[in-house]
Amino acid sequence: MKGSHLRHDKTCLNCGFTVEERYCSRCGQENADPRESIGHLIGHFFSDITHYDSKFITSLRDLLFKPGFLTREYNAGRRASYLNPIRMYVFISALFFIVLFGGSEEAPPLAPELHPAAANAFSQRIADSLREAAPVNDSIRASVYRSLASRLDTARNAADTAESWGFHLGANDNEFATDMEIVENRYQRISQYDSIQAARPDSTRESGFARWATHRMIHIRQRHPGKGVVTIRENIGQNIPKLMFVLLPLFAWFVGWFYNHQRYIYTQHVIFSLHFHAFVFIAFLLGLLILKIPTDSQWLALILLCIPLVLIFTYLAFALSRTYAEVLWLSFIKSLALCLMYLLVLLLALVGVGIYDFMTA
């Protein structure tokens, strides 16, 4: 820190190298008197804080308003005035997760509804009542009663008509999630299901994925006895940011597909991806704020939620154009291709997470 008393001895206290001027050319330590005053200690503290703050503010400003600038500066070797890309990415993503999980509450039900299991039980009670009320001395009315009862008899026809699962998709202030509800009341045991399937004609017999899924559902129901419904929730809104940590190197690889491998190396694409993903998390923070806006119109809410997505796509196009020195219209085409590829990988990853949740439930 400037203002500290310099030592007359030119031997560095840290590494023993000869100090020609104020700082050691080998380790960078200032050749200051180690006996510091309280004023010097306080000065060091504020100097370090303001130095970090100034780098952060400068880096954040350039990240937001100069797409591709930080990547270009880093690749050119001008790095001292800006935060390290990894440190910036970790800081911004950590801030996003703090905001995301900080006020999370359990999501209320999206809408009141009669579950299929409850509807089946109610239908079965009506069927039993119709059988009991069938007149003995009136064959026509008795036939009608029995016909209606057979149509409502969910217990006897469950093997052919009962729903085994259902999907619900919804969002609230804190999450965007899918619920898979297991309602496997048709079979008590896997052996029972296998024997029924073996007795069916080949054309109606379940096989492949359907057979495996039913086996899995029966197993899940056996692990949760006494519950009419077993719900497996996949929180899409929270899983996507987590998957982005894993997919960032893959995105850098996608970027490398579109640019000369002899002119650019993979690590340069990684730096670009770090800066881009840092901006994506800032856009996600904007999306969280938008979700807090009260509105009765679903269309308006959807339009507002599209704002961060449009910003991300536009930012990517400008960042590609300025980082890789190409015309903007070509960067827009590449940006569209990258977004579609990345979206496909995200969807596949979300499906994989859902299958894993289903297999481990």
Protein backbone atom coordinates (compact mmCIF):
# COMPACT_ATOMS: atom_id res chain seq x y z
CA MET A 1 0.00 0.00 0.00
CA LYS A 2 1.34 3.43 -0.93
CA GLY A 3 2.24 5.54 2.06
CA SER A 4 3.80 2.67 4.01
CA HIS A 5 7.34 3.16 5.26
CA LEU A 6 9.78 1.38 2.95
CA ARG A 7 12.70 -0.59 4.30
CA HIS A 8 16.25 0.58 3.58
CA ASP A 9 17.28 -3.06 3.23
CA LYS A 10 16.65 -4.16 -0.37
CA THR A 11 16.28 -7.87 0.48
CA CYS A 12 12.70 -9.08 0.19
CA LEU A 13 11.37 -10.43 3.48
CA ASN A 14 9.15 -12.94 1.67
CA CYS A 15 11.49 -14.60 -0.87
CA GLY A 16 14.95 -13.10 -0.21
CA PHE A 17 15.24 -11.66 -3.72
CA THR A 18 16.76 -8.22 -4.27
CA VAL A 19 14.08 -5.51 -4.45
CA GLU A 20 15.01 -2.86 -7.02
CA GLU A 21 12.02 -0.56 -6.48
CA ARG A 22 8.90 -0.61 -4.25
CA TYR A 23 7.70 -4.16 -5.04
CA CYS A 24 9.67 -7.38 -5.39
CA SER A 25 9.91 -8.42 -9.02
CA ARG A 26 9.86 -12.12 -8.06
CA CYS A 27 6.92 -12.44 -5.60
CA GLY A 28 5.26 -9.01 -5.81
CA GLN A 29 5.41 -8.21 -2.08
CA GLU A 30 5.89 -4.59 -1.08
CA ASN A 31 9.21 -3.91 0.63
CA ALA A 32 7.50 -2.14 3.53
CA ASP A 33 8.41 -2.04 7.18
CA PRO A 34 6.63 -5.01 8.85
CA ARG A 35 5.92 -2.91 11.96
CA GLU A 36 2.71 -1.28 10.78
CA SER A 37 0.58 1.23 12.63
CA ILE A 38 -3.15 0.89 13.20
CA GLY A 39 -3.72 3.48 10.51
CA HIS A 40 -1.81 1.40 7.98
CA LEU A 41 -3.81 -1.73 8.89
CA ILE A 42 -7.10 0.12 8.41
CA GLY A 43 -5.81 1.57 5.17
CA HIS A 44 -4.90 -1.91 3.89
CA PHE A 45 -8.39 -3.12 4.72
CA PHE A 46 -10.20 -0.37 2.81
CA SER A 47 -7.74 -0.55 -0.05
CA ASP A 48 -8.36 -4.27 -0.56
CA ILE A 49 -12.15 -3.86 -0.30
CA THR A 50 -12.37 -0.98 -2.76
CA HIS A 51 -9.95 -2.71 -5.12
CA TYR A 52 -12.17 -5.83 -5.23
CA ASP A 53 -15.35 -3.76 -5.45
CA SER A 54 -14.02 -1.68 -8.30
CA LYS A 55 -13.04 -4.80 -10.25
CA PHE A 56 -16.43 -6.38 -9.60
CA ILE A 57 -18.40 -3.27 -10.58
CA THR A 58 -16.30 -2.80 -13.71
CA SER A 59 -16.65 -6.46 -14.68
CA LEU A 60 -20.40 -6.52 -14.01
CA ARG A 61 -20.97 -3.34 -16.01
CA ASP A 62 -19.04 -4.66 -18.99
CA LEU A 63 -20.71 -8.07 -18.72
CA LEU A 64 -24.20 -6.53 -18.86
CA PHE A 65 -23.75 -3.79 -21.42
CA LYS A 66 -20.83 -4.99 -23.58
CA PRO A 67 -21.57 -8.55 -24.73
CA GLY A 68 -18.37 -10.40 -25.57
CA PHE A 69 -16.10 -7.60 -24.32
CA LEU A 70 -14.82 -9.41 -21.20
CA THR A 71 -14.08 -12.55 -23.20
CA ARG A 72 -12.19 -10.60 -25.80
CA GLU A 73 -10.18 -8.75 -23.12
CA TYR A 74 -9.36 -11.99 -21.34
CA ASN A 75 -8.22 -13.72 -24.52
CA ALA A 76 -6.06 -10.70 -25.37
CA GLY A 77 -4.32 -10.97 -21.98
CA ARG A 78 -5.81 -7.81 -20.45
CA ARG A 79 -7.02 -9.37 -17.19
CA ALA A 80 -5.80 -7.32 -14.23
CA SER A 81 -8.76 -4.90 -14.24
CA TYR A 82 -11.47 -7.56 -14.27
CA LEU A 83 -12.66 -10.44 -12.13
CA ASN A 84 -11.54 -13.93 -13.07
CA PRO A 85 -14.30 -15.52 -15.23
CA ILE A 86 -14.65 -18.55 -12.95
CA ARG A 87 -14.85 -16.37 -9.83
CA MET A 88 -17.48 -14.15 -11.47
CA TYR A 89 -19.54 -17.13 -12.61
CA VAL A 90 -19.45 -18.79 -9.19
CA PHE A 91 -20.36 -15.55 -7.41
CA ILE A 92 -23.32 -14.69 -9.67
CA SER A 93 -24.66 -18.26 -9.77
CA ALA A 94 -24.35 -18.52 -5.97
CA LEU A 95 -26.30 -15.27 -5.64
CA PHE A 96 -29.00 -16.69 -7.90
CA PHE A 97 -29.36 -19.87 -5.84
CA ILE A 98 -29.51 -17.86 -2.62
CA VAL A 99 -32.41 -15.84 -4.04
CA LEU A 100 -34.06 -18.95 -5.53
CA PHE A 101 -33.99 -21.05 -2.36
CA GLY A 102 -34.04 -18.25 0.19
CA GLY A 103 -37.81 -17.79 0.29
CA SER A 104 -38.99 -21.11 -1.07
CA GLU A 105 -42.15 -22.52 0.41
CA GLU A 106 -44.08 -25.60 -0.37
CA ALA A 107 -46.19 -25.01 -3.44
CA PRO A 108 -49.96 -24.87 -2.87
CA PRO A 109 -52.14 -27.10 -5.04
CA LEU A 110 -52.73 -25.56 -8.43
CA ALA A 111 -56.45 -26.27 -8.40
CA PRO A 112 -58.83 -28.42 -6.42
CA GLU A 113 -59.62 -31.63 -8.25
CA LEU A 114 -61.01 -35.09 -7.63
CA HIS A 115 -58.19 -37.58 -7.92
CA PRO A 116 -58.79 -40.66 -10.14
CA ALA A 117 -58.35 -42.96 -7.14
CA ALA A 118 -61.11 -41.15 -5.23
CA ALA A 119 -63.32 -41.09 -8.34
CA ASN A 120 -62.85 -44.84 -8.82
CA ALA A 121 -63.78 -45.56 -5.20
CA PHE A 122 -66.91 -43.39 -5.49
CA SER A 123 -67.86 -45.09 -8.76
CA GLN A 124 -67.41 -48.49 -7.16
CA ARG A 125 -69.75 -47.60 -4.28
CA ILE A 126 -72.45 -46.57 -6.78
CA ALA A 127 -71.99 -49.85 -8.66
CA ASP A 128 -72.40 -51.88 -5.46
CA SER A 129 -75.51 -49.88 -4.55
CA LEU A 130 -77.05 -50.56 -7.97
CA ARG A 131 -76.53 -54.31 -7.57
CA GLU A 132 -78.14 -54.28 -4.14
CA ALA A 133 -81.11 -52.25 -5.43
CA ALA A 134 -81.75 -54.49 -8.46
CA PRO A 135 -85.34 -55.78 -8.14
CA VAL A 136 -85.71 -59.53 -7.98
CA ASN A 137 -89.17 -59.68 -9.58
CA ASP A 138 -88.47 -57.31 -12.47
CA SER A 139 -85.99 -58.86 -14.88
CA ILE A 140 -85.84 -55.86 -17.24
CA ARG A 141 -85.06 -53.35 -14.50
CA ALA A 142 -82.65 -55.79 -12.88
CA SER A 143 -80.83 -56.18 -16.21
CA VAL A 144 -80.55 -52.41 -16.58
CA TYR A 145 -79.24 -52.05 -13.01
CA ARG A 146 -76.66 -54.77 -13.54
CA SER A 147 -75.57 -53.25 -16.86
CA LEU A 148 -75.04 -49.85 -15.25
CA ALA A 149 -73.22 -51.44 -12.33
CA SER A 150 -70.86 -53.32 -14.65
CA ARG A 151 -69.95 -50.06 -16.39
CA LEU A 152 -69.19 -48.40 -13.05
CA ASP A 153 -67.46 -51.45 -11.55
CA THR A 154 -63.90 -50.12 -11.31
CA ALA A 155 -62.72 -52.98 -9.09
CA ARG A 156 -63.59 -55.74 -11.58
CA ASN A 157 -62.61 -53.83 -14.71
CA ALA A 158 -59.53 -52.17 -13.23
CA ALA A 159 -57.14 -54.37 -15.15
CA ASP A 160 -58.47 -52.88 -18.39
CA THR A 161 -59.70 -49.37 -17.55
CA ALA A 162 -58.00 -47.90 -14.45
CA GLU A 163 -55.47 -45.14 -14.85
CA SER A 164 -52.06 -45.97 -13.42
CA TRP A 165 -50.45 -42.56 -13.44
CA GLY A 166 -51.01 -38.95 -14.27
CA PHE A 167 -48.95 -35.84 -14.94
CA HIS A 168 -49.55 -32.31 -13.69
CA LEU A 169 -47.56 -29.28 -14.77
CA GLY A 170 -47.74 -25.95 -13.00
CA ALA A 171 -45.92 -22.96 -11.58
CA ASN A 172 -46.10 -20.62 -8.64
CA ASP A 173 -43.88 -17.84 -7.27
CA ASN A 174 -41.07 -20.21 -6.35
CA GLU A 175 -41.08 -23.16 -8.67
CA PHE A 176 -42.03 -24.57 -12.03
CA ALA A 177 -42.58 -28.28 -11.55
CA THR A 178 -44.08 -31.47 -12.90
CA ASP A 179 -45.82 -34.00 -10.66
CA MET A 180 -46.09 -37.66 -11.63
CA GLU A 181 -48.77 -39.28 -9.53
CA ILE A 182 -48.68 -43.06 -9.21
CA VAL A 183 -52.14 -44.60 -8.77
CA GLU A 184 -51.38 -48.26 -9.31
CA ASN A 185 -54.34 -50.00 -7.62
CA ARG A 186 -54.94 -52.60 -10.29
CA TYR A 187 -52.39 -55.14 -9.10
CA GLN A 188 -51.22 -56.02 -5.61
CA ARG A 189 -48.10 -57.91 -6.71
CA ILE A 190 -45.88 -58.15 -9.75
CA SER A 191 -46.60 -61.88 -10.00
CA GLN A 192 -50.32 -61.10 -10.25
CA TYR A 193 -49.67 -58.66 -13.12
CA ASP A 194 -47.45 -61.16 -14.94
CA SER A 195 -50.05 -63.93 -14.69
CA ILE A 196 -52.80 -61.65 -16.05
CA GLN A 197 -50.56 -60.52 -18.92
CA ALA A 198 -49.67 -64.12 -19.75
CA ALA A 199 -53.38 -64.98 -20.08
CA ARG A 200 -54.03 -62.12 -22.54
CA PRO A 201 -53.79 -62.41 -26.34
CA ASP A 202 -50.48 -61.28 -27.80
CA SER A 203 -52.13 -58.22 -29.39
CA THR A 204 -53.21 -56.76 -26.02
CA ARG A 205 -50.29 -57.91 -23.91
CA GLU A 206 -48.01 -55.17 -22.56
CA SER A 207 -44.32 -55.40 -23.40
CA GLY A 208 -41.15 -53.35 -23.43
CA PHE A 209 -41.31 -49.98 -21.69
CA ALA A 210 -45.00 -50.35 -20.71
CA ARG A 211 -44.28 -53.64 -18.94
CA TRP A 212 -41.21 -52.21 -17.17
CA ALA A 213 -43.11 -49.04 -16.12
CA THR A 214 -45.98 -51.06 -14.64
CA HIS A 215 -43.54 -53.29 -12.76
CA ARG A 216 -41.88 -50.18 -11.39
CA MET A 217 -45.21 -48.61 -10.35
CA ILE A 218 -46.30 -51.74 -8.50
CA HIS A 219 -42.95 -51.74 -6.71
CA ILE A 220 -43.37 -48.07 -5.75
CA ARG A 221 -46.88 -48.69 -4.43
CA GLN A 222 -45.57 -51.61 -2.34
CA ARG A 223 -42.90 -49.35 -0.85
CA HIS A 224 -45.54 -46.78 0.17
CA PRO A 225 -48.34 -48.89 1.69
CA GLY A 226 -51.46 -47.12 2.88
CA LYS A 227 -51.09 -44.18 0.48
CA GLY A 228 -53.71 -43.84 -2.21
CA VAL A 229 -51.37 -41.76 -4.34
CA VAL A 230 -47.58 -41.61 -4.57
CA THR A 231 -46.38 -38.28 -5.99
CA ILE A 232 -42.96 -37.91 -7.61
CA ARG A 233 -42.11 -34.23 -8.14
CA GLU A 234 -39.52 -32.90 -10.55
CA ASN A 235 -38.86 -29.20 -9.98
CA ILE A 236 -37.95 -27.97 -13.44
CA GLY A 237 -37.32 -24.40 -12.30
CA GLN A 238 -34.67 -25.55 -9.84
CA ASN A 239 -33.21 -28.39 -11.91
CA ILE A 240 -32.37 -26.30 -14.98
CA PRO A 241 -29.87 -23.98 -13.19
CA LYS A 242 -28.26 -27.02 -11.54
CA LEU A 243 -27.92 -28.81 -14.87
CA MET A 244 -26.30 -25.71 -16.35
CA PHE A 245 -23.29 -26.30 -14.09
CA VAL A 246 -22.83 -29.69 -15.71
CA LEU A 247 -23.67 -28.59 -19.25
CA LEU A 248 -21.45 -25.50 -19.39
CA PRO A 249 -18.43 -27.39 -20.84
CA LEU A 250 -20.78 -29.02 -23.36
CA PHE A 251 -22.05 -25.59 -24.44
CA ALA A 252 -18.44 -24.50 -24.97
CA TRP A 253 -17.97 -27.57 -27.15
CA PHE A 254 -21.05 -26.60 -29.18
CA VAL A 255 -19.63 -23.10 -29.68
CA GLY A 256 -16.40 -24.65 -30.95
CA TRP A 257 -18.34 -26.41 -33.73
CA PHE A 258 -19.03 -23.06 -35.40
CA TYR A 259 -15.54 -21.56 -35.35
CA ASN A 260 -12.13 -22.31 -36.82
CA HIS A 261 -10.38 -24.92 -34.69
CA GLN A 262 -6.98 -23.68 -35.85
CA ARG A 263 -7.69 -20.09 -34.79
CA TYR A 264 -9.47 -20.79 -31.47
CA ILE A 265 -8.80 -23.35 -28.77
CA TYR A 266 -11.36 -25.00 -26.52
CA THR A 267 -10.41 -23.01 -23.40
CA GLN A 268 -11.31 -19.77 -25.19
CA HIS A 269 -14.79 -21.17 -25.79
CA VAL A 270 -14.97 -22.12 -22.09
CA ILE A 271 -14.19 -18.51 -21.12
CA PHE A 272 -16.94 -17.33 -23.46
CA SER A 273 -19.34 -19.85 -21.91
CA LEU A 274 -18.49 -18.72 -18.38
CA HIS A 275 -19.27 -15.10 -19.21
CA PHE A 276 -22.43 -16.03 -21.12
CA HIS A 277 -23.75 -18.27 -18.34
CA ALA A 278 -23.04 -15.55 -15.79
CA PHE A 279 -25.32 -13.28 -17.81
CA VAL A 280 -27.92 -16.09 -18.05
CA PHE A 281 -28.07 -16.29 -14.26
CA ILE A 282 -28.59 -12.53 -14.09
CA ALA A 283 -31.44 -12.93 -16.60
CA PHE A 284 -32.85 -15.70 -14.41
CA LEU A 285 -32.74 -13.31 -11.45
CA LEU A 286 -34.80 -10.91 -13.56
CA GLY A 287 -37.21 -13.78 -14.25
CA LEU A 288 -37.61 -14.42 -10.51
CA LEU A 289 -38.48 -10.75 -10.02
CA ILE A 290 -41.00 -10.93 -12.87
CA LEU A 291 -42.69 -13.90 -11.20
CA LYS A 292 -43.34 -11.65 -8.20
CA ILE A 293 -45.41 -9.23 -10.31
CA PRO A 294 -49.11 -9.77 -9.48
CA THR A 295 -51.23 -10.31 -12.58
CA ASP A 296 -54.57 -11.98 -13.31
CA SER A 297 -53.77 -12.50 -16.98
CA GLN A 298 -51.94 -15.68 -17.91
CA TRP A 299 -51.04 -14.23 -21.29
CA LEU A 300 -49.45 -11.18 -19.69
CA ALA A 301 -47.50 -13.40 -17.29
CA LEU A 302 -46.29 -15.50 -20.23
CA ILE A 303 -45.21 -12.40 -22.17
CA LEU A 304 -43.33 -11.07 -19.14
CA LEU A 305 -41.55 -14.40 -18.68
CA CYS A 306 -40.43 -14.27 -22.32
CA ILE A 307 -38.45 -11.08 -21.64
CA PRO A 308 -35.46 -12.87 -20.01
CA LEU A 309 -35.44 -15.47 -22.80
CA VAL A 310 -35.36 -12.79 -25.50
CA LEU A 311 -32.58 -10.99 -23.64
CA ILE A 312 -30.53 -14.20 -23.42
CA PHE A 313 -30.90 -14.96 -27.12
CA THR A 314 -30.10 -11.39 -28.20
CA TYR A 315 -27.14 -11.20 -25.81
CA LEU A 316 -25.72 -14.46 -27.17
CA ALA A 317 -25.88 -13.19 -30.75
CA PHE A 318 -24.09 -9.91 -29.93
CA ALA A 319 -21.53 -11.71 -27.75
CA LEU A 320 -20.69 -14.15 -30.54
CA SER A 321 -20.39 -11.34 -33.06
CA ARG A 322 -18.01 -9.27 -30.91
CA THR A 323 -15.96 -12.14 -29.51
CA TYR A 324 -15.36 -13.96 -32.77
CA ALA A 325 -15.36 -10.88 -35.04
CA GLU A 326 -18.11 -11.88 -37.47
CA VAL A 327 -21.13 -10.16 -39.00
CA LEU A 328 -24.14 -9.87 -36.70
CA TRP A 329 -26.67 -11.66 -38.95
CA LEU A 330 -24.44 -14.75 -39.06
CA SER A 331 -24.11 -14.66 -35.27
CA PHE A 332 -27.90 -14.56 -34.97
CA ILE A 333 -28.15 -17.74 -37.05
CA LYS A 334 -25.49 -19.45 -34.97
CA SER A 335 -27.15 -18.20 -31.79
CA LEU A 336 -30.44 -19.78 -32.87
CA ALA A 337 -28.70 -23.08 -33.63
CA LEU A 338 -26.87 -23.02 -30.28
CA CYS A 339 -30.07 -22.30 -28.37
CA LEU A 340 -31.92 -25.15 -30.09
CA MET A 341 -29.07 -27.58 -29.42
CA TYR A 342 -28.76 -26.47 -25.81
CA LEU A 343 -32.53 -26.68 -25.29
CA LEU A 344 -32.58 -30.22 -26.68
CA VAL A 345 -29.78 -31.29 -24.33
CA LEU A 346 -31.56 -29.64 -21.38
CA LEU A 347 -34.80 -31.47 -22.20
CA LEU A 348 -32.96 -34.78 -22.46
CA ALA A 349 -31.22 -34.08 -19.16
CA LEU A 350 -34.54 -33.23 -17.48
CA VAL A 351 -36.05 -36.45 -18.82
CA GLY A 352 -33.05 -38.30 -17.43
CA VAL A 353 -33.55 -36.68 -14.03
CA GLY A 354 -37.23 -37.62 -14.14
CA ILE A 355 -36.42 -41.24 -15.00
CA TYR A 356 -33.87 -41.34 -12.19
CA ASP A 357 -36.45 -39.99 -9.73
CA PHE A 358 -38.94 -42.61 -10.96
CA MET A 359 -36.41 -45.43 -10.60
CA THR A 360 -35.30 -44.38 -7.10
CA ALA A 361 -38.72 -43.45 -5.67
